[in-house]
């Protein structure tokens, strides 16, 4: 059972954003399924009123590119899956894994 994080990459103009969407424990298959679900349903902005969404798998399924057309603008984001590889205190942040 691995520890996973789903990240969202966003770029607007010259600014770049990388945020953590969620942390959880599970198998690689469970993590990939959760990543796909989030890529299809997550709202990267509370103000975004989605009209259309296209989701593209990148590589073997550890990343997805979503093009989300809203009422006023289009948002382009990449959802990435990361597995915890090393930590000085993996059990010291129980809030992060629930």
C-alpha atoms as a PDB file:
ATOM      1  CA  UNK A   1       0.000   0.000   0.000  1.00  0.00           C
ATOM      2  CA  UNK A   2       1.527   3.305  -1.082  1.00  0.00           C
ATOM      3  CA  UNK A   3       1.028   6.889  -0.003  1.00  0.00           C
ATOM      4  CA  UNK A   4      -0.079   9.129  -2.836  1.00  0.00           C
ATOM      5  CA  UNK A   5      -0.591  12.772  -3.692  1.00  0.00           C
ATOM      6  CA  UNK A   6      -2.476  14.218  -6.635  1.00  0.00           C
ATOM      7  CA  UNK A   7      -0.998  17.464  -7.921  1.00  0.00           C
ATOM      8  CA  UNK A   8      -2.467  20.038 -10.256  1.00  0.00           C
ATOM      9  CA  UNK A   9      -0.237  22.111 -12.570  1.00  0.00           C
ATOM     10  CA  UNK A  10      -1.681  25.380 -13.851  1.00  0.00           C
ATOM     11  CA  UNK A  11      -0.165  28.122 -15.905  1.00  0.00           C
ATOM     12  CA  UNK A  12      -1.744  31.498 -16.546  1.00  0.00           C
ATOM     13  CA  UNK A  13       0.297  34.064 -18.455  1.00  0.00           C
ATOM     14  CA  UNK A  14       3.715  34.169 -16.829  1.00  0.00           C
ATOM     15  CA  UNK A  15       2.554  32.744 -13.494  1.00  0.00           C
ATOM     16  CA  UNK A  16       2.742  29.056 -12.665  1.00  0.00           C
ATOM     17  CA  UNK A  17       0.917  27.182  -9.932  1.00  0.00           C
ATOM     18  CA  UNK A  18       1.451  23.722  -8.441  1.00  0.00           C
ATOM     19  CA  UNK A  19      -1.063  22.647  -5.789  1.00  0.00           C
ATOM     20  CA  UNK A  20      -1.806  19.462  -3.886  1.00  0.00           C
ATOM     21  CA  UNK A  21      -5.389  18.364  -4.474  1.00  0.00           C
ATOM     22  CA  UNK A  22      -5.478  15.352  -2.132  1.00  0.00           C
ATOM     23  CA  UNK A  23      -3.390  12.817  -0.186  1.00  0.00           C
ATOM     24  CA  UNK A  24      -4.401   9.196   0.402  1.00  0.00           C
ATOM     25  CA  UNK A  25      -3.202   5.612   0.853  1.00  0.00           C
ATOM     26  CA  UNK A  26      -3.893   2.799  -1.586  1.00  0.00           C
ATOM     27  CA  UNK A  27      -2.604   0.581  -4.347  1.00  0.00           C
ATOM     28  CA  UNK A  28      -1.274   1.946  -7.640  1.00  0.00           C
ATOM     29  CA  UNK A  29      -4.481   0.858  -9.380  1.00  0.00           C
ATOM     30  CA  UNK A  30      -6.614   2.696  -6.783  1.00  0.00           C
ATOM     31  CA  UNK A  31      -4.410   5.778  -7.116  1.00  0.00           C
ATOM     32  CA  UNK A  32      -4.700   5.817 -10.911  1.00  0.00           C
ATOM     33  CA  UNK A  33      -8.480   5.415 -10.682  1.00  0.00           C
ATOM     34  CA  UNK A  34      -8.704   8.336  -8.252  1.00  0.00           C
ATOM     35  CA  UNK A  35      -6.466  10.464 -10.472  1.00  0.00           C
ATOM     36  CA  UNK A  36      -8.707   9.782 -13.482  1.00  0.00           C
ATOM     37  CA  UNK A  37     -11.846  10.588 -11.474  1.00  0.00           C
ATOM     38  CA  UNK A  38     -10.394  13.914 -10.312  1.00  0.00           C
ATOM     39  CA  UNK A  39      -9.216  14.829 -13.811  1.00  0.00           C
ATOM     40  CA  UNK A  40     -12.798  14.349 -15.011  1.00  0.00           C
ATOM     41  CA  UNK A  41     -14.603  16.099 -12.138  1.00  0.00           C
ATOM     42  CA  UNK A  42     -12.313  18.469 -10.175  1.00  0.00           C
ATOM     43  CA  UNK A  43     -13.011  22.219 -10.374  1.00  0.00           C
ATOM     44  CA  UNK A  44      -9.635  23.993 -10.410  1.00  0.00           C
ATOM     45  CA  UNK A  45     -11.361  27.309  -9.728  1.00  0.00           C
ATOM     46  CA  UNK A  46     -14.485  27.960  -7.659  1.00  0.00           C
ATOM     47  CA  UNK A  47     -15.587  30.625 -10.146  1.00  0.00           C
ATOM     48  CA  UNK A  48     -15.326  28.297 -13.152  1.00  0.00           C
ATOM     49  CA  UNK A  49     -18.696  27.486 -14.720  1.00  0.00           C
ATOM     50  CA  UNK A  50     -17.852  24.522 -16.936  1.00  0.00           C
ATOM     51  CA  UNK A  51     -19.460  24.166 -20.350  1.00  0.00           C
ATOM     52  CA  UNK A  52     -17.164  21.491 -21.773  1.00  0.00           C
ATOM     53  CA  UNK A  53     -14.210  19.369 -20.621  1.00  0.00           C
ATOM     54  CA  UNK A  54     -11.724  17.289 -22.565  1.00  0.00           C
ATOM     55  CA  UNK A  55      -9.390  14.947 -20.657  1.00  0.00           C
ATOM     56  CA  UNK A  56      -6.272  13.414 -22.262  1.00  0.00           C
ATOM     57  CA  UNK A  57      -4.133  10.667 -20.724  1.00  0.00           C
ATOM     58  CA  UNK A  58      -0.401  11.423 -20.677  1.00  0.00           C
ATOM     59  CA  UNK A  59       1.946   8.443 -20.839  1.00  0.00           C
ATOM     60  CA  UNK A  60       0.882   5.298 -19.008  1.00  0.00           C
ATOM     61  CA  UNK A  61      -1.822   6.913 -16.836  1.00  0.00           C
ATOM     62  CA  UNK A  62       0.087   8.761 -14.102  1.00  0.00           C
ATOM     63  CA  UNK A  63      -0.943  12.146 -15.560  1.00  0.00           C
ATOM     64  CA  UNK A  64      -3.902  13.713 -17.374  1.00  0.00           C
ATOM     65  CA  UNK A  65      -4.265  16.972 -19.255  1.00  0.00           C
ATOM     66  CA  UNK A  66      -7.681  18.634 -18.933  1.00  0.00           C
ATOM     67  CA  UNK A  67      -8.935  21.452 -21.131  1.00  0.00           C
ATOM     68  CA  UNK A  68     -11.943  22.982 -19.402  1.00  0.00           C
ATOM     69  CA  UNK A  69     -14.037  25.520 -21.280  1.00  0.00           C
ATOM     70  CA  UNK A  70     -15.973  27.834 -19.025  1.00  0.00           C
ATOM     71  CA  UNK A  71     -18.546  30.527 -19.644  1.00  0.00           C
ATOM     72  CA  UNK A  72     -15.884  33.260 -19.835  1.00  0.00           C
ATOM     73  CA  UNK A  73     -12.516  31.520 -20.173  1.00  0.00           C
ATOM     74  CA  UNK A  74     -10.705  28.250 -20.828  1.00  0.00           C
ATOM     75  CA  UNK A  75      -8.572  26.626 -18.137  1.00  0.00           C
ATOM     76  CA  UNK A  76      -5.786  24.185 -18.988  1.00  0.00           C
ATOM     77  CA  UNK A  77      -4.463  21.977 -16.197  1.00  0.00           C
ATOM     78  CA  UNK A  78      -2.373  18.846 -15.744  1.00  0.00           C
ATOM     79  CA  UNK A  79      -3.248  16.388 -12.975  1.00  0.00           C
ATOM     80  CA  UNK A  80      -0.269  14.326 -11.807  1.00  0.00           C
ATOM     81  CA  UNK A  81       0.048  11.355  -9.493  1.00  0.00           C
ATOM     82  CA  UNK A  82       2.962  11.138  -7.064  1.00  0.00           C
ATOM     83  CA  UNK A  83       3.945   8.304  -4.726  1.00  0.00           C
ATOM     84  CA  UNK A  84       5.773   9.030  -1.483  1.00  0.00           C
ATOM     85  CA  UNK A  85       9.356   7.859  -2.028  1.00  0.00           C
ATOM     86  CA  UNK A  86      11.025   9.130   1.149  1.00  0.00           C
ATOM     87  CA  UNK A  87      10.279  11.192   4.231  1.00  0.00           C
ATOM     88  CA  UNK A  88      12.064  12.005   7.468  1.00  0.00           C
ATOM     89  CA  UNK A  89       8.860  11.428   9.464  1.00  0.00           C
ATOM     90  CA  UNK A  90       6.189   9.752   7.337  1.00  0.00           C
ATOM     91  CA  UNK A  91       3.914   9.134  10.340  1.00  0.00           C
ATOM     92  CA  UNK A  92       4.212  12.628  11.804  1.00  0.00           C
ATOM     93  CA  UNK A  93       1.511  14.179   9.599  1.00  0.00           C
ATOM     94  CA  UNK A  94      -1.562  11.987  10.108  1.00  0.00           C
ATOM     95  CA  UNK A  95      -3.827  14.757   8.768  1.00  0.00           C
ATOM     96  CA  UNK A  96      -2.205  14.448   5.360  1.00  0.00           C
ATOM     97  CA  UNK A  97      -3.212  10.826   4.782  1.00  0.00           C
ATOM     98  CA  UNK A  98      -6.870  10.834   5.762  1.00  0.00           C
END
